[in-house]
Amino acid sequence: MEPSKTKTVCFTGHRPKGIIADRPYDESNRPVYQKIVDGLTVSIERLIDQGYTNFISGGAQGFDQLAFWAVNIIKARRPEIQNIVYKPFNGQESRWEKTGLFSQHEYDLMLKKADQVYVCDKTVDTADFKSTVKSLMYRNKCMVNASDHVIGQFENGSWADPRTKSGTADCLRYAKQMGKTIQIFQ
């Protein structure tokens, strides 16, 4: 079941290598990622105080998962909020490491803690790269369509330039086109 569009936030941002260029999956980088989670909790708390109750992440490695865990921390104190995952397709995690940072194990924990898990594309052919990319983009549009506010992680304003090629940039441009409120998290 999709959440109500009223007072809903979604997150979009970089994969681990876009956050930390050198050894992004190394356990020693966990404190750097925790700082991002801590910063996100401040932004999320402000939005909750403004009446936002639904928070959607795409479940992808990197910023999406960090945003989920930030909402999860707050949910322990504010159980009225909903922590929702929009999976692009079943098996998104099939090529990830089994354990460690952003692993299948952490993804499984995330899905178990989620209030809702919504699968955007149930027909994707995971063996076809173009099909999976198309599904990821479709997931981004589903999240934006279900939201009023988008928190995007992007280091500069280049996301607005159509020549900037990234799923996050495409998602933010789509959010702008749809008239959503956009907050850039750096």
N, C-alpha and C. Protein backbone atom coordinates (compact mmCIF):
# COMPACT_ATOMS: atom_id res chain seq x y z
N MET A 1 0.84 -1.18 0.00
CA MET A 1 0.00 0.00 0.00
C MET A 1 0.88 1.24 0.00
N GLU A 2 0.60 2.17 -0.88
CA GLU A 2 1.36 3.41 -0.94
C GLU A 2 0.90 4.36 0.16
N PRO A 3 1.84 5.11 0.75
CA PRO A 3 1.45 6.07 1.78
C PRO A 3 0.73 7.26 1.16
N SER A 4 -0.02 7.96 1.97
CA SER A 4 -0.67 9.18 1.53
C SER A 4 0.39 10.19 1.12
N LYS A 5 0.11 10.99 0.10
CA LYS A 5 1.05 12.01 -0.33
C LYS A 5 1.14 13.13 0.70
N THR A 6 0.16 13.27 1.55
CA THR A 6 0.15 14.35 2.51
C THR A 6 1.29 14.20 3.50
N LYS A 7 2.09 15.24 3.61
CA LYS A 7 3.18 15.31 4.58
C LYS A 7 4.15 14.14 4.47
N THR A 8 4.59 13.90 3.27
CA THR A 8 5.53 12.80 3.01
C THR A 8 6.83 13.37 2.45
N VAL A 9 7.94 12.77 2.91
CA VAL A 9 9.28 13.15 2.48
C VAL A 9 9.93 11.93 1.84
N CYS A 10 10.69 12.15 0.77
CA CYS A 10 11.52 11.07 0.24
C CYS A 10 12.96 11.55 0.15
N PHE A 11 13.85 10.58 0.06
CA PHE A 11 15.29 10.85 0.05
C PHE A 11 15.90 10.32 -1.24
N THR A 12 16.89 11.04 -1.76
CA THR A 12 17.66 10.59 -2.90
C THR A 12 19.10 11.07 -2.72
N GLY A 13 20.04 10.25 -3.11
CA GLY A 13 21.43 10.66 -2.94
C GLY A 13 22.40 9.65 -3.49
N HIS A 14 23.65 9.90 -3.19
CA HIS A 14 24.74 9.13 -3.78
C HIS A 14 24.85 7.72 -3.21
N ARG A 15 25.43 6.85 -4.02
CA ARG A 15 25.85 5.53 -3.58
C ARG A 15 27.13 5.72 -2.77
N PRO A 16 27.60 4.71 -2.08
CA PRO A 16 28.78 4.87 -1.21
C PRO A 16 30.00 5.50 -1.89
N LYS A 17 30.28 5.10 -3.14
CA LYS A 17 31.47 5.65 -3.80
C LYS A 17 31.32 7.14 -4.13
N GLY A 18 30.11 7.64 -4.15
CA GLY A 18 29.87 9.07 -4.34
C GLY A 18 29.95 9.85 -3.04
N ILE A 19 29.94 9.14 -1.93
CA ILE A 19 30.04 9.77 -0.61
C ILE A 19 31.50 9.74 -0.14
N ILE A 20 32.12 8.59 -0.25
CA ILE A 20 33.52 8.40 0.12
C ILE A 20 34.21 7.71 -1.06
N ALA A 21 35.10 8.43 -1.71
CA ALA A 21 35.73 7.89 -2.92
C ALA A 21 36.68 6.73 -2.65
N ASP A 22 37.40 6.78 -1.53
CA ASP A 22 38.40 5.76 -1.23
C ASP A 22 37.83 4.71 -0.30
N ARG A 23 37.72 3.49 -0.76
CA ARG A 23 37.22 2.35 0.02
C ARG A 23 35.87 2.64 0.70
N PRO A 24 34.86 2.95 -0.09
CA PRO A 24 33.57 3.36 0.49
C PRO A 24 32.86 2.27 1.31
N TYR A 25 33.20 1.01 1.08
CA TYR A 25 32.53 -0.07 1.81
C TYR A 25 33.34 -0.57 3.00
N ASP A 26 34.46 0.08 3.26
CA ASP A 26 35.32 -0.33 4.36
C ASP A 26 34.69 0.02 5.70
N GLU A 27 34.69 -0.93 6.60
CA GLU A 27 34.08 -0.75 7.92
C GLU A 27 34.68 0.46 8.66
N SER A 28 35.92 0.80 8.38
CA SER A 28 36.55 1.94 9.05
C SER A 28 35.87 3.27 8.71
N ASN A 29 35.06 3.30 7.65
CA ASN A 29 34.35 4.52 7.27
C ASN A 29 32.99 4.67 7.96
N ARG A 30 32.60 3.70 8.77
CA ARG A 30 31.31 3.77 9.44
C ARG A 30 31.12 5.09 10.22
N PRO A 31 32.16 5.62 10.92
CA PRO A 31 31.96 6.90 11.63
C PRO A 31 31.63 8.07 10.70
N VAL A 32 32.17 8.07 9.49
CA VAL A 32 31.85 9.13 8.52
C VAL A 32 30.38 9.02 8.13
N TYR A 33 29.92 7.82 7.86
CA TYR A 33 28.52 7.62 7.51
C TYR A 33 27.61 7.97 8.69
N GLN A 34 28.06 7.69 9.91
CA GLN A 34 27.25 8.01 11.09
C GLN A 34 27.06 9.52 11.22
N LYS A 35 28.04 10.31 10.83
CA LYS A 35 27.90 11.77 10.86
C LYS A 35 26.79 12.22 9.91
N ILE A 36 26.68 11.54 8.78
CA ILE A 36 25.60 11.87 7.83
C ILE A 36 24.26 11.53 8.46
N VAL A 37 24.17 10.36 9.09
CA VAL A 37 22.94 9.96 9.78
C VAL A 37 22.59 11.00 10.85
N ASP A 38 23.57 11.42 11.63
CA ASP A 38 23.33 12.41 12.68
C ASP A 38 22.81 13.72 12.10
N GLY A 39 23.41 14.17 11.00
CA GLY A 39 22.94 15.40 10.36
C GLY A 39 21.53 15.26 9.81
N LEU A 40 21.24 14.10 9.24
CA LEU A 40 19.89 13.86 8.72
C LEU A 40 18.85 13.87 9.83
N THR A 41 19.19 13.36 11.00
CA THR A 41 18.20 13.33 12.09
C THR A 41 17.76 14.75 12.45
N VAL A 42 18.66 15.70 12.39
CA VAL A 42 18.30 17.10 12.68
C VAL A 42 17.29 17.60 11.65
N SER A 43 17.56 17.37 10.36
CA SER A 43 16.64 17.80 9.30
C SER A 43 15.29 17.11 9.42
N ILE A 44 15.31 15.82 9.71
CA ILE A 44 14.07 15.05 9.81
C ILE A 44 13.24 15.51 11.00
N GLU A 45 13.88 15.76 12.12
CA GLU A 45 13.16 16.26 13.32
C GLU A 45 12.43 17.56 13.00
N ARG A 46 13.08 18.45 12.28
CA ARG A 46 12.45 19.73 11.90
C ARG A 46 11.20 19.48 11.05
N LEU A 47 11.31 18.53 10.13
CA LEU A 47 10.17 18.24 9.27
C LEU A 47 9.03 17.59 10.06
N ILE A 48 9.35 16.75 11.01
CA ILE A 48 8.32 16.15 11.86
C ILE A 48 7.60 17.25 12.63
N ASP A 49 8.35 18.22 13.12
CA ASP A 49 7.74 19.35 13.84
C ASP A 49 6.83 20.17 12.94
N GLN A 50 7.03 20.07 11.62
CA GLN A 50 6.17 20.75 10.64
C GLN A 50 5.00 19.88 10.20
N GLY A 51 4.88 18.68 10.78
CA GLY A 51 3.74 17.81 10.47
C GLY A 51 4.02 16.68 9.51
N TYR A 52 5.25 16.51 9.05
CA TYR A 52 5.57 15.40 8.16
C TYR A 52 5.62 14.11 8.97
N THR A 53 5.00 13.07 8.43
CA THR A 53 4.92 11.80 9.16
C THR A 53 5.42 10.60 8.37
N ASN A 54 5.46 10.68 7.06
CA ASN A 54 5.88 9.56 6.22
C ASN A 54 7.23 9.87 5.60
N PHE A 55 8.16 8.92 5.70
CA PHE A 55 9.51 9.10 5.18
C PHE A 55 9.86 7.89 4.31
N ILE A 56 10.16 8.18 3.04
CA ILE A 56 10.41 7.13 2.06
C ILE A 56 11.87 7.14 1.64
N SER A 57 12.50 5.98 1.72
CA SER A 57 13.83 5.82 1.14
C SER A 57 13.75 4.74 0.07
N GLY A 58 14.70 4.79 -0.86
CA GLY A 58 14.71 3.84 -1.96
C GLY A 58 15.45 2.55 -1.66
N GLY A 59 16.05 2.47 -0.48
CA GLY A 59 16.71 1.23 -0.08
C GLY A 59 18.05 0.97 -0.71
N ALA A 60 18.48 1.84 -1.63
CA ALA A 60 19.75 1.61 -2.31
C ALA A 60 20.92 1.83 -1.35
N GLN A 61 22.05 1.25 -1.70
CA GLN A 61 23.25 1.44 -0.90
C GLN A 61 23.62 2.92 -0.87
N GLY A 62 24.12 3.37 0.26
CA GLY A 62 24.56 4.75 0.39
C GLY A 62 23.53 5.61 1.08
N PHE A 63 23.29 6.79 0.50
CA PHE A 63 22.44 7.80 1.15
C PHE A 63 21.04 7.28 1.48
N ASP A 64 20.46 6.49 0.59
CA ASP A 64 19.11 5.97 0.84
C ASP A 64 19.07 5.21 2.16
N GLN A 65 20.03 4.31 2.35
CA GLN A 65 20.04 3.52 3.58
C GLN A 65 20.38 4.37 4.79
N LEU A 66 21.29 5.34 4.63
CA LEU A 66 21.61 6.23 5.74
C LEU A 66 20.37 7.01 6.18
N ALA A 67 19.58 7.46 5.22
CA ALA A 67 18.35 8.18 5.53
C ALA A 67 17.37 7.27 6.27
N PHE A 68 17.25 6.03 5.82
CA PHE A 68 16.37 5.09 6.51
C PHE A 68 16.78 4.95 7.98
N TRP A 69 18.09 4.79 8.23
CA TRP A 69 18.54 4.58 9.60
C TRP A 69 18.36 5.84 10.44
N ALA A 70 18.46 7.02 9.83
CA ALA A 70 18.20 8.26 10.57
C ALA A 70 16.74 8.30 11.01
N VAL A 71 15.83 7.97 10.12
CA VAL A 71 14.40 7.92 10.48
C VAL A 71 14.18 6.86 11.55
N ASN A 72 14.84 5.74 11.43
CA ASN A 72 14.69 4.66 12.41
C ASN A 72 15.08 5.12 13.82
N ILE A 73 16.15 5.88 13.92
CA ILE A 73 16.59 6.41 15.22
C ILE A 73 15.50 7.29 15.83
N ILE A 74 14.94 8.16 15.02
CA ILE A 74 13.90 9.08 15.51
C ILE A 74 12.63 8.33 15.85
N LYS A 75 12.31 7.31 15.08
CA LYS A 75 11.09 6.54 15.31
C LYS A 75 11.06 5.92 16.71
N ALA A 76 12.21 5.64 17.28
CA ALA A 76 12.26 5.09 18.64
C ALA A 76 11.64 6.07 19.64
N ARG A 77 11.77 7.37 19.36
CA ARG A 77 11.20 8.41 20.23
C ARG A 77 9.86 8.93 19.73
N ARG A 78 9.63 8.80 18.44
CA ARG A 78 8.43 9.36 17.81
C ARG A 78 7.75 8.28 16.97
N PRO A 79 7.10 7.34 17.63
CA PRO A 79 6.56 6.18 16.93
C PRO A 79 5.44 6.50 15.94
N GLU A 80 4.96 7.72 15.93
CA GLU A 80 3.88 8.08 15.00
C GLU A 80 4.36 8.20 13.56
N ILE A 81 5.67 8.30 13.34
CA ILE A 81 6.17 8.44 11.96
C ILE A 81 6.26 7.07 11.29
N GLN A 82 6.24 7.10 9.98
CA GLN A 82 6.33 5.88 9.18
C GLN A 82 7.65 5.87 8.41
N ASN A 83 8.38 4.77 8.53
CA ASN A 83 9.64 4.59 7.82
C ASN A 83 9.38 3.58 6.70
N ILE A 84 9.38 4.08 5.48
CA ILE A 84 8.90 3.33 4.33
C ILE A 84 10.04 3.11 3.33
N VAL A 85 10.09 1.92 2.74
CA VAL A 85 11.09 1.62 1.71
C VAL A 85 10.37 1.36 0.39
N TYR A 86 10.83 2.02 -0.65
CA TYR A 86 10.37 1.76 -2.00
C TYR A 86 11.48 0.98 -2.71
N LYS A 87 11.29 -0.32 -2.83
CA LYS A 87 12.25 -1.15 -3.55
C LYS A 87 11.99 -0.99 -5.05
N PRO A 88 13.04 -0.81 -5.85
CA PRO A 88 12.79 -0.70 -7.29
C PRO A 88 12.26 -2.01 -7.85
N PHE A 89 12.80 -3.12 -7.34
CA PHE A 89 12.40 -4.47 -7.78
C PHE A 89 12.90 -5.45 -6.75
N ASN A 90 12.31 -6.62 -6.72
CA ASN A 90 12.81 -7.67 -5.83
C ASN A 90 14.17 -8.14 -6.33
N GLY A 91 15.09 -8.30 -5.42
CA GLY A 91 16.43 -8.74 -5.78
C GLY A 91 17.40 -7.61 -6.01
N GLN A 92 17.01 -6.38 -5.67
CA GLN A 92 17.90 -5.23 -5.83
C GLN A 92 19.27 -5.51 -5.21
N GLU A 93 19.30 -6.23 -4.10
CA GLU A 93 20.52 -6.46 -3.33
C GLU A 93 21.32 -7.68 -3.78
N SER A 94 20.89 -8.36 -4.81
CA SER A 94 21.48 -9.66 -5.16
C SER A 94 22.97 -9.61 -5.50
N ARG A 95 23.48 -8.50 -5.93
CA ARG A 95 24.90 -8.39 -6.28
C ARG A 95 25.74 -7.74 -5.19
N TRP A 96 25.13 -7.42 -4.07
CA TRP A 96 25.85 -6.77 -2.97
C TRP A 96 26.59 -7.82 -2.15
N GLU A 97 27.56 -7.37 -1.37
CA GLU A 97 28.25 -8.25 -0.44
C GLU A 97 27.25 -8.82 0.56
N LYS A 98 27.53 -9.99 1.07
CA LYS A 98 26.62 -10.64 2.03
C LYS A 98 26.63 -9.93 3.39
N THR A 99 27.83 -9.48 3.85
CA THR A 99 27.95 -8.81 5.14
C THR A 99 28.80 -7.56 4.99
N GLY A 100 28.77 -6.70 6.01
CA GLY A 100 29.56 -5.47 6.00
C GLY A 100 28.68 -4.26 5.73
N LEU A 101 29.33 -3.14 5.47
CA LEU A 101 28.60 -1.90 5.19
C LEU A 101 27.76 -2.03 3.93
N PHE A 102 26.53 -1.60 4.00
CA PHE A 102 25.61 -1.59 2.86
C PHE A 102 25.47 -2.97 2.24
N SER A 103 25.45 -3.98 3.05
CA SER A 103 25.42 -5.37 2.59
C SER A 103 23.99 -5.91 2.52
N GLN A 104 23.88 -7.12 2.00
CA GLN A 104 22.60 -7.81 1.99
C GLN A 104 22.06 -7.97 3.41
N HIS A 105 22.95 -8.24 4.36
CA HIS A 105 22.53 -8.40 5.75
C HIS A 105 21.92 -7.10 6.29
N GLU A 106 22.58 -5.96 6.08
CA GLU A 106 22.05 -4.68 6.57
C GLU A 106 20.75 -4.32 5.84
N TYR A 107 20.68 -4.64 4.57
CA TYR A 107 19.46 -4.38 3.79
C TYR A 107 18.29 -5.20 4.35
N ASP A 108 18.55 -6.47 4.67
CA ASP A 108 17.53 -7.33 5.25
C ASP A 108 17.05 -6.77 6.59
N LEU A 109 17.96 -6.30 7.42
CA LEU A 109 17.58 -5.67 8.70
C LEU A 109 16.70 -4.46 8.47
N MET A 110 17.06 -3.66 7.48
CA MET A 110 16.30 -2.47 7.15
C MET A 110 14.87 -2.83 6.74
N LEU A 111 14.74 -3.82 5.87
CA LEU A 111 13.41 -4.21 5.41
C LEU A 111 12.55 -4.74 6.55
N LYS A 112 13.18 -5.45 7.50
CA LYS A 112 12.44 -5.98 8.65
C LYS A 112 11.97 -4.86 9.57
N LYS A 113 12.70 -3.76 9.66
CA LYS A 113 12.34 -2.65 10.53
C LYS A 113 11.37 -1.66 9.86
N ALA A 114 11.27 -1.72 8.55
CA ALA A 114 10.41 -0.78 7.82
C ALA A 114 8.94 -0.97 8.20
N ASP A 115 8.22 0.13 8.25
CA ASP A 115 6.78 0.06 8.50
C ASP A 115 6.04 -0.45 7.27
N GLN A 116 6.55 -0.10 6.10
CA GLN A 116 5.98 -0.57 4.84
C GLN A 116 7.12 -0.80 3.85
N VAL A 117 6.97 -1.79 3.01
CA VAL A 117 7.89 -2.02 1.89
C VAL A 117 7.03 -2.10 0.64
N TYR A 118 7.32 -1.24 -0.30
CA TYR A 118 6.56 -1.15 -1.54
C TYR A 118 7.49 -1.51 -2.70
N VAL A 119 7.13 -2.50 -3.50
CA VAL A 119 7.92 -2.90 -4.66
C VAL A 119 7.35 -2.16 -5.88
N CYS A 120 8.17 -1.32 -6.49
CA CYS A 120 7.70 -0.47 -7.58
C CYS A 120 7.53 -1.21 -8.90
N ASP A 121 8.42 -2.15 -9.20
CA ASP A 121 8.38 -2.85 -10.47
C ASP A 121 8.52 -4.35 -10.20
N LYS A 122 7.45 -5.07 -10.37
CA LYS A 122 7.46 -6.50 -10.08
C LYS A 122 7.77 -7.35 -11.31
N THR A 123 8.04 -6.69 -12.44
CA THR A 123 8.25 -7.45 -13.68
C THR A 123 9.65 -7.28 -14.26
N VAL A 124 10.55 -6.63 -13.56
CA VAL A 124 11.87 -6.34 -14.11
C VAL A 124 12.67 -7.62 -14.34
N ASP A 125 13.43 -7.62 -15.43
CA ASP A 125 14.36 -8.71 -15.73
C ASP A 125 15.71 -8.31 -15.15
N THR A 126 16.07 -8.88 -13.99
CA THR A 126 17.30 -8.47 -13.31
C THR A 126 18.57 -8.85 -14.07
N ALA A 127 18.46 -9.71 -15.06
CA ALA A 127 19.62 -10.07 -15.87
C ALA A 127 19.90 -9.00 -16.94
N ASP A 128 18.95 -8.13 -17.19
CA ASP A 128 19.07 -7.09 -18.21
C ASP A 128 19.40 -5.75 -17.55
N PHE A 129 20.64 -5.27 -17.75
CA PHE A 129 21.10 -4.05 -17.11
C PHE A 129 20.19 -2.86 -17.42
N LYS A 130 19.80 -2.68 -18.68
CA LYS A 130 18.94 -1.56 -19.05
C LYS A 130 17.60 -1.63 -18.33
N SER A 131 17.09 -2.82 -18.17
CA SER A 131 15.82 -3.01 -17.48
C SER A 131 15.93 -2.61 -16.01
N THR A 132 17.04 -2.97 -15.37
CA THR A 132 17.21 -2.62 -13.95
C THR A 132 17.40 -1.12 -13.78
N VAL A 133 18.15 -0.48 -14.68
CA VAL A 133 18.33 0.97 -14.60
C VAL A 133 16.98 1.67 -14.78
N LYS A 134 16.22 1.21 -15.74
CA LYS A 134 14.88 1.79 -15.97
C LYS A 134 14.02 1.64 -14.72
N SER A 135 14.12 0.50 -14.05
CA SER A 135 13.36 0.26 -12.83
C SER A 135 13.81 1.19 -11.70
N LEU A 136 15.11 1.43 -11.60
CA LEU A 136 15.61 2.36 -10.58
C LEU A 136 15.05 3.76 -10.81
N MET A 137 15.03 4.20 -12.05
CA MET A 137 14.49 5.53 -12.37
C MET A 137 12.98 5.58 -12.10
N TYR A 138 12.29 4.50 -12.41
CA TYR A 138 10.86 4.43 -12.14
C TYR A 138 10.61 4.52 -10.63
N ARG A 139 11.43 3.81 -9.82
CA ARG A 139 11.31 3.88 -8.37
C ARG A 139 11.45 5.32 -7.88
N ASN A 140 12.45 6.04 -8.44
CA ASN A 140 12.64 7.43 -8.04
C ASN A 140 11.40 8.26 -8.32
N LYS A 141 10.79 8.06 -9.48
CA LYS A 141 9.58 8.81 -9.81
C LYS A 141 8.43 8.44 -8.88
N CYS A 142 8.31 7.16 -8.55
CA CYS A 142 7.26 6.74 -7.61
C CYS A 142 7.44 7.43 -6.26
N MET A 143 8.68 7.50 -5.78
CA MET A 143 8.94 8.15 -4.49
C MET A 143 8.58 9.63 -4.56
N VAL A 144 9.00 10.30 -5.60
CA VAL A 144 8.71 11.73 -5.74
C VAL A 144 7.20 11.95 -5.85
N ASN A 145 6.54 11.13 -6.65
CA ASN A 145 5.09 11.29 -6.82
C ASN A 145 4.33 11.12 -5.50
N ALA A 146 4.86 10.32 -4.60
CA ALA A 146 4.21 10.07 -3.32
C ALA A 146 4.59 11.09 -2.25
N SER A 147 5.45 12.05 -2.61
CA SER A 147 6.01 12.96 -1.62
C SER A 147 5.67 14.42 -1.88
N ASP A 148 5.80 15.21 -0.82
CA ASP A 148 5.68 16.66 -0.91
C ASP A 148 7.05 17.31 -0.88
N HIS A 149 7.96 16.66 -0.19
CA HIS A 149 9.28 17.23 0.11
C HIS A 149 10.33 16.19 -0.26
N VAL A 150 11.42 16.64 -0.90
CA VAL A 150 12.49 15.74 -1.30
C VAL A 150 13.80 16.24 -0.67
N ILE A 151 14.46 15.36 0.06
CA ILE A 151 15.79 15.66 0.56
C ILE A 151 16.78 14.94 -0.33
N GLY A 152 17.61 15.72 -1.01
CA GLY A 152 18.59 15.16 -1.92
C GLY A 152 20.00 15.47 -1.49
N GLN A 153 20.86 14.49 -1.59
CA GLN A 153 22.27 14.70 -1.30
C GLN A 153 22.98 14.99 -2.61
N PHE A 154 23.49 16.20 -2.72
CA PHE A 154 24.23 16.58 -3.92
C PHE A 154 25.18 17.70 -3.53
N GLU A 155 26.43 17.59 -3.96
CA GLU A 155 27.47 18.49 -3.48
C GLU A 155 27.42 19.90 -4.06
N ASN A 156 26.70 20.10 -5.14
CA ASN A 156 26.60 21.44 -5.74
C ASN A 156 25.30 21.52 -6.52
N GLY A 157 25.09 22.64 -7.14
CA GLY A 157 23.85 22.84 -7.89
C GLY A 157 23.83 22.23 -9.28
N SER A 158 24.84 21.45 -9.61
CA SER A 158 24.92 20.89 -10.96
C SER A 158 23.80 19.89 -11.27
N TRP A 159 23.09 19.42 -10.25
CA TRP A 159 21.98 18.49 -10.49
C TRP A 159 20.93 19.11 -11.40
N ALA A 160 20.80 20.44 -11.36
CA ALA A 160 19.78 21.11 -12.17
C ALA A 160 20.13 21.15 -13.65
N ASP A 161 21.40 20.93 -13.98
CA ASP A 161 21.86 20.95 -15.36
C ASP A 161 21.54 19.59 -16.01
N PRO A 162 20.75 19.57 -17.09
CA PRO A 162 20.39 18.30 -17.72
C PRO A 162 21.58 17.50 -18.24
N ARG A 163 22.73 18.13 -18.36
CA ARG A 163 23.92 17.40 -18.80
C ARG A 163 24.53 16.58 -17.67
N THR A 164 24.13 16.84 -16.43
CA THR A 164 24.63 16.06 -15.29
C THR A 164 23.93 14.72 -15.30
N LYS A 165 24.72 13.67 -15.45
CA LYS A 165 24.18 12.32 -15.57
C LYS A 165 24.32 11.58 -14.24
N SER A 166 23.23 11.41 -13.55
CA SER A 166 23.19 10.58 -12.34
C SER A 166 21.73 10.35 -11.99
N GLY A 167 21.48 9.24 -11.34
CA GLY A 167 20.12 8.96 -10.91
C GLY A 167 19.60 9.99 -9.92
N THR A 168 20.50 10.44 -9.04
CA THR A 168 20.11 11.46 -8.06
C THR A 168 19.76 12.77 -8.77
N ALA A 169 20.58 13.19 -9.72
CA ALA A 169 20.31 14.42 -10.46
C ALA A 169 18.99 14.31 -11.21
N ASP A 170 18.76 13.17 -11.87
CA ASP A 170 17.50 12.96 -12.58
C ASP A 170 16.31 13.03 -11.62
N CYS A 171 16.47 12.42 -10.45
CA CYS A 171 15.39 12.43 -9.45
C CYS A 171 15.09 13.86 -8.98
N LEU A 172 16.13 14.63 -8.70
CA LEU A 172 15.94 16.00 -8.25
C LEU A 172 15.32 16.87 -9.35
N ARG A 173 15.75 16.67 -10.59
CA ARG A 173 15.14 17.43 -11.70
C ARG A 173 13.66 17.07 -11.85
N TYR A 174 13.35 15.79 -11.70
CA TYR A 174 11.95 15.37 -11.78
C TYR A 174 11.15 16.00 -10.64
N ALA A 175 11.71 16.02 -9.44
CA ALA A 175 11.03 16.64 -8.30
C ALA A 175 10.75 18.12 -8.57
N LYS A 176 11.73 18.80 -9.14
CA LYS A 176 11.55 20.22 -9.48
C LYS A 176 10.43 20.37 -10.50
N GLN A 177 10.46 19.53 -11.53
CA GLN A 177 9.44 19.57 -12.58
C GLN A 177 8.04 19.33 -11.99
N MET A 178 7.96 18.49 -10.97
CA MET A 178 6.68 18.16 -10.35
C MET A 178 6.28 19.17 -9.27
N GLY A 179 7.09 20.18 -9.04
CA GLY A 179 6.76 21.24 -8.09
C GLY A 179 6.94 20.85 -6.63
N LYS A 180 7.80 19.88 -6.37
CA LYS A 180 8.04 19.44 -4.99
C LYS A 180 9.04 20.38 -4.32
N THR A 181 8.94 20.49 -3.01
CA THR A 181 9.93 21.24 -2.26
C THR A 181 11.20 20.40 -2.19
N ILE A 182 12.32 21.01 -2.52
CA ILE A 182 13.60 20.31 -2.56
C ILE A 182 14.54 20.90 -1.52
N GLN A 183 15.12 20.03 -0.74
CA GLN A 183 16.12 20.42 0.26
C GLN A 183 17.40 19.66 -0.08
N ILE A 184 18.48 20.38 -0.28
CA ILE A 184 19.76 19.75 -0.59
C ILE A 184 20.53 19.53 0.70
N PHE A 185 20.92 18.29 0.90
CA PHE A 185 21.69 17.92 2.09
C PHE A 185 23.14 17.73 1.67
N GLN A 186 24.05 18.45 2.33
CA GLN A 186 25.47 18.32 1.98
C GLN A 186 26.27 17.85 3.16
